[in-house]
C-alpha atoms as a PDB file:
ATOM      1  CA  MET A   1     -53.402  -7.576 -44.226  1.00  0.00           C
ATOM      2  CA  PRO A   2     -50.066  -7.651 -42.365  1.00  0.00           C
ATOM      3  CA  LYS A   3     -47.715 -10.469 -43.014  1.00  0.00           C
ATOM      4  CA  LEU A   4     -47.321 -13.043 -40.282  1.00  0.00           C
ATOM      5  CA  GLN A   5     -43.819 -13.643 -39.128  1.00  0.00           C
ATOM      6  CA  SER A   6     -42.598 -17.156 -39.304  1.00  0.00           C
ATOM      7  CA  THR A   7     -42.012 -18.861 -35.983  1.00  0.00           C
ATOM      8  CA  GLN A   8     -38.832 -20.512 -37.166  1.00  0.00           C
ATOM      9  CA  GLN A   9     -35.713 -18.417 -37.317  1.00  0.00           C
ATOM     10  CA  GLU A  10     -32.924 -19.274 -39.642  1.00  0.00           C
ATOM     11  CA  PRO A  11     -29.490 -19.756 -38.058  1.00  0.00           C
ATOM     12  CA  THR A  12     -27.387 -16.622 -38.462  1.00  0.00           C
ATOM     13  CA  HIS A  13     -23.994 -18.294 -38.170  1.00  0.00           C
ATOM     14  CA  THR A  14     -22.429 -21.124 -40.041  1.00  0.00           C
ATOM     15  CA  LYS A  15     -21.875 -24.405 -38.346  1.00  0.00           C
ATOM     16  CA  GLU A  16     -18.439 -24.876 -36.869  1.00  0.00           C
ATOM     17  CA  THR A  17     -16.578 -28.067 -36.547  1.00  0.00           C
ATOM     18  CA  ILE A  18     -15.541 -29.346 -33.156  1.00  0.00           C
ATOM     19  CA  GLU A  19     -11.888 -28.474 -33.857  1.00  0.00           C
ATOM     20  CA  GLN A  20     -12.801 -24.871 -34.631  1.00  0.00           C
ATOM     21  CA  LYS A  21     -14.813 -24.594 -31.418  1.00  0.00           C
ATOM     22  CA  LEU A  22     -11.934 -26.064 -29.423  1.00  0.00           C
ATOM     23  CA  ASP A  23      -9.538 -23.611 -31.072  1.00  0.00           C
ATOM     24  CA  ARG A  24     -11.757 -20.677 -30.075  1.00  0.00           C
ATOM     25  CA  ILE A  25     -11.966 -21.977 -26.504  1.00  0.00           C
ATOM     26  CA  ALA A  26      -8.175 -22.423 -26.330  1.00  0.00           C
ATOM     27  CA  GLU A  27      -7.642 -18.874 -27.620  1.00  0.00           C
ATOM     28  CA  SER A  28     -10.044 -17.474 -25.015  1.00  0.00           C
ATOM     29  CA  LEU A  29      -8.279 -19.398 -22.263  1.00  0.00           C
ATOM     30  CA  SER A  30      -4.861 -18.138 -23.340  1.00  0.00           C
ATOM     31  CA  ARG A  31      -6.142 -14.539 -23.239  1.00  0.00           C
ATOM     32  CA  LEU A  32      -7.568 -15.117 -19.768  1.00  0.00           C
ATOM     33  CA  ASP A  33      -4.287 -16.667 -18.623  1.00  0.00           C
ATOM     34  CA  ARG A  34      -2.315 -13.651 -19.874  1.00  0.00           C
ATOM     35  CA  ARG A  35      -4.727 -11.281 -18.111  1.00  0.00           C
ATOM     36  CA  ASP A  36      -4.393 -13.225 -14.863  1.00  0.00           C
ATOM     37  CA  LYS A  37      -0.587 -13.075 -15.054  1.00  0.00           C
ATOM     38  CA  ILE A  38      -0.694  -9.301 -15.500  1.00  0.00           C
ATOM     39  CA  ARG A  39      -3.198  -8.932 -12.659  1.00  0.00           C
ATOM     40  CA  THR A  40      -1.034 -11.074 -10.362  1.00  0.00           C
ATOM     41  CA  SER A  41       2.071  -9.042 -11.196  1.00  0.00           C
ATOM     42  CA  TRP A  42       0.332  -5.748 -10.422  1.00  0.00           C
ATOM     43  CA  MET A  43      -1.082  -7.072  -7.155  1.00  0.00           C
ATOM     44  CA  THR A  44       2.422  -8.125  -6.092  1.00  0.00           C
ATOM     45  CA  ILE A  45       3.781  -4.658  -6.875  1.00  0.00           C
ATOM     46  CA  ARG A  46       0.912  -2.981  -5.007  1.00  0.00           C
ATOM     47  CA  SER A  47       1.498  -5.224  -2.001  1.00  0.00           C
ATOM     48  CA  ILE A  48       5.186  -4.330  -1.875  1.00  0.00           C
ATOM     49  CA  ILE A  49       4.370  -0.623  -2.122  1.00  0.00           C
ATOM     50  CA  SER A  50       1.807  -0.883   0.661  1.00  0.00           C
ATOM     51  CA  ILE A  51       4.329  -2.604   2.963  1.00  0.00           C
ATOM     52  CA  ILE A  52       6.865   0.273   2.730  1.00  0.00           C
ATOM     53  CA  PRO A  53       5.009   2.683   5.106  1.00  0.00           C
ATOM     54  CA  LEU A  54       4.506  -0.123   7.611  1.00  0.00           C
ATOM     55  CA  LEU A  55       8.234  -0.893   7.586  1.00  0.00           C
ATOM     56  CA  ALA A  56       9.006   2.818   8.054  1.00  0.00           C
ATOM     57  CA  ILE A  57       6.720   3.000  11.101  1.00  0.00           C
ATOM     58  CA  ILE A  58       8.229  -0.132  12.640  1.00  0.00           C
ATOM     59  CA  GLY A  59      11.764   1.126  11.955  1.00  0.00           C
ATOM     60  CA  GLY A  60      10.987   4.503  13.515  1.00  0.00           C
ATOM     61  CA  ALA A  61       9.487   2.867  16.586  1.00  0.00           C
ATOM     62  CA  LEU A  62      12.550   0.638  17.029  1.00  0.00           C
ATOM     63  CA  TYR A  63      14.878   3.611  16.604  1.00  0.00           C
ATOM     64  CA  LEU A  64      12.980   5.584  19.246  1.00  0.00           C
ATOM     65  CA  TYR A  65      13.039   2.576  21.554  1.00  0.00           C
ATOM     66  CA  TRP A  66      16.798   2.199  21.273  1.00  0.00           C
ATOM     67  CA  LYS A  67      17.847   5.871  20.996  1.00  0.00           C
ATOM     68  CA  GLY A  68      14.926   7.604  22.742  1.00  0.00           C
ATOM     69  CA  ASP A  69      16.849   8.430  25.910  1.00  0.00           C
ATOM     70  CA  ASP A  70      19.658  10.122  24.002  1.00  0.00           C
ATOM     71  CA  LEU A  71      17.237  12.105  21.891  1.00  0.00           C
ATOM     72  CA  LEU A  72      15.291  13.257  24.932  1.00  0.00           C
ATOM     73  CA  GLN A  73      18.448  14.325  26.757  1.00  0.00           C
ATOM     74  CA  ASN A  74      19.655  16.265  23.720  1.00  0.00           C
ATOM     75  CA  PHE A  75      16.248  17.907  23.403  1.00  0.00           C
ATOM     76  CA  THR A  76      16.116  19.012  27.050  1.00  0.00           C
ATOM     77  CA  GLY A  77      19.715  20.248  26.924  1.00  0.00           C
ATOM     78  CA  THR A  78      18.988  22.324  23.838  1.00  0.00           C
ATOM     79  CA  LEU A  79      15.791  23.626  25.403  1.00  0.00           C
ATOM     80  CA  ALA A  80      17.624  24.680  28.568  1.00  0.00           C
ATOM     81  CA  LYS A  81      20.290  26.479  26.511  1.00  0.00           C
ATOM     82  CA  GLN A  82      17.633  28.317  24.541  1.00  0.00           C
ATOM     83  CA  PHE A  83      15.954  29.456  27.752  1.00  0.00           C
ATOM     84  CA  GLN A  84      19.296  30.692  29.104  1.00  0.00           C
ATOM     85  CA  ILE A  85      20.132  32.515  25.853  1.00  0.00           C
ATOM     86  CA  HIS A  86      16.833  34.383  25.891  1.00  0.00           C
ATOM     87  CA  GLY A  87      17.165  35.143  29.590  1.00  0.00           C
ATOM     88  CA  LEU A  88      14.161  33.108  30.661  1.00  0.00           C
ATOM     89  CA  GLN A  89      14.211  31.270  33.949  1.00  0.00           C
ATOM     90  CA  THR A  90      14.321  27.529  33.503  1.00  0.00           C
ATOM     91  CA  GLY A  91      13.025  27.096  36.995  1.00  0.00           C
ATOM     92  CA  PRO A  92      12.978  24.064  39.212  1.00  0.00           C
ATOM     93  CA  LEU A  93      10.681  22.205  36.837  1.00  0.00           C
ATOM     94  CA  LEU A  94      13.336  21.900  34.147  1.00  0.00           C
ATOM     95  CA  LYS A  95      15.939  20.911  36.740  1.00  0.00           C
ATOM     96  CA  GLN A  96      13.649  18.178  38.037  1.00  0.00           C
ATOM     97  CA  PHE A  97      13.130  17.007  34.479  1.00  0.00           C
ATOM     98  CA  GLU A  98      16.882  16.854  33.866  1.00  0.00           C
ATOM     99  CA  GLN A  99      17.377  14.887  37.084  1.00  0.00           C
ATOM    100  CA  PHE A 100      14.608  12.515  36.056  1.00  0.00           C
ATOM    101  CA  LEU A 101      16.397  11.783  32.785  1.00  0.00           C
ATOM    102  CA  ARG A 102      19.706  11.023  34.477  1.00  0.00           C
END
């Protein structure tokens, strides 16, 4: 006949005092606090890195706003010179474009 298992299980760990339990809780909390500090530091670094492209886009837009006319005039002047060097006719369209910029 098989043996019947007892319904009562013996405790597998020794009884701890209240001070020992509090010490374990304090140790767990200090580990969690350290982990949260590291996580916060990394999130700050990631946020700063993610802001850099946004600042570059805003800076480029402001530069084009302030210096866009000069850049466009230089571009059309260079384009007209290239057409003349290669012997292509710039035509009235390019002249109208130059007048529009002035």
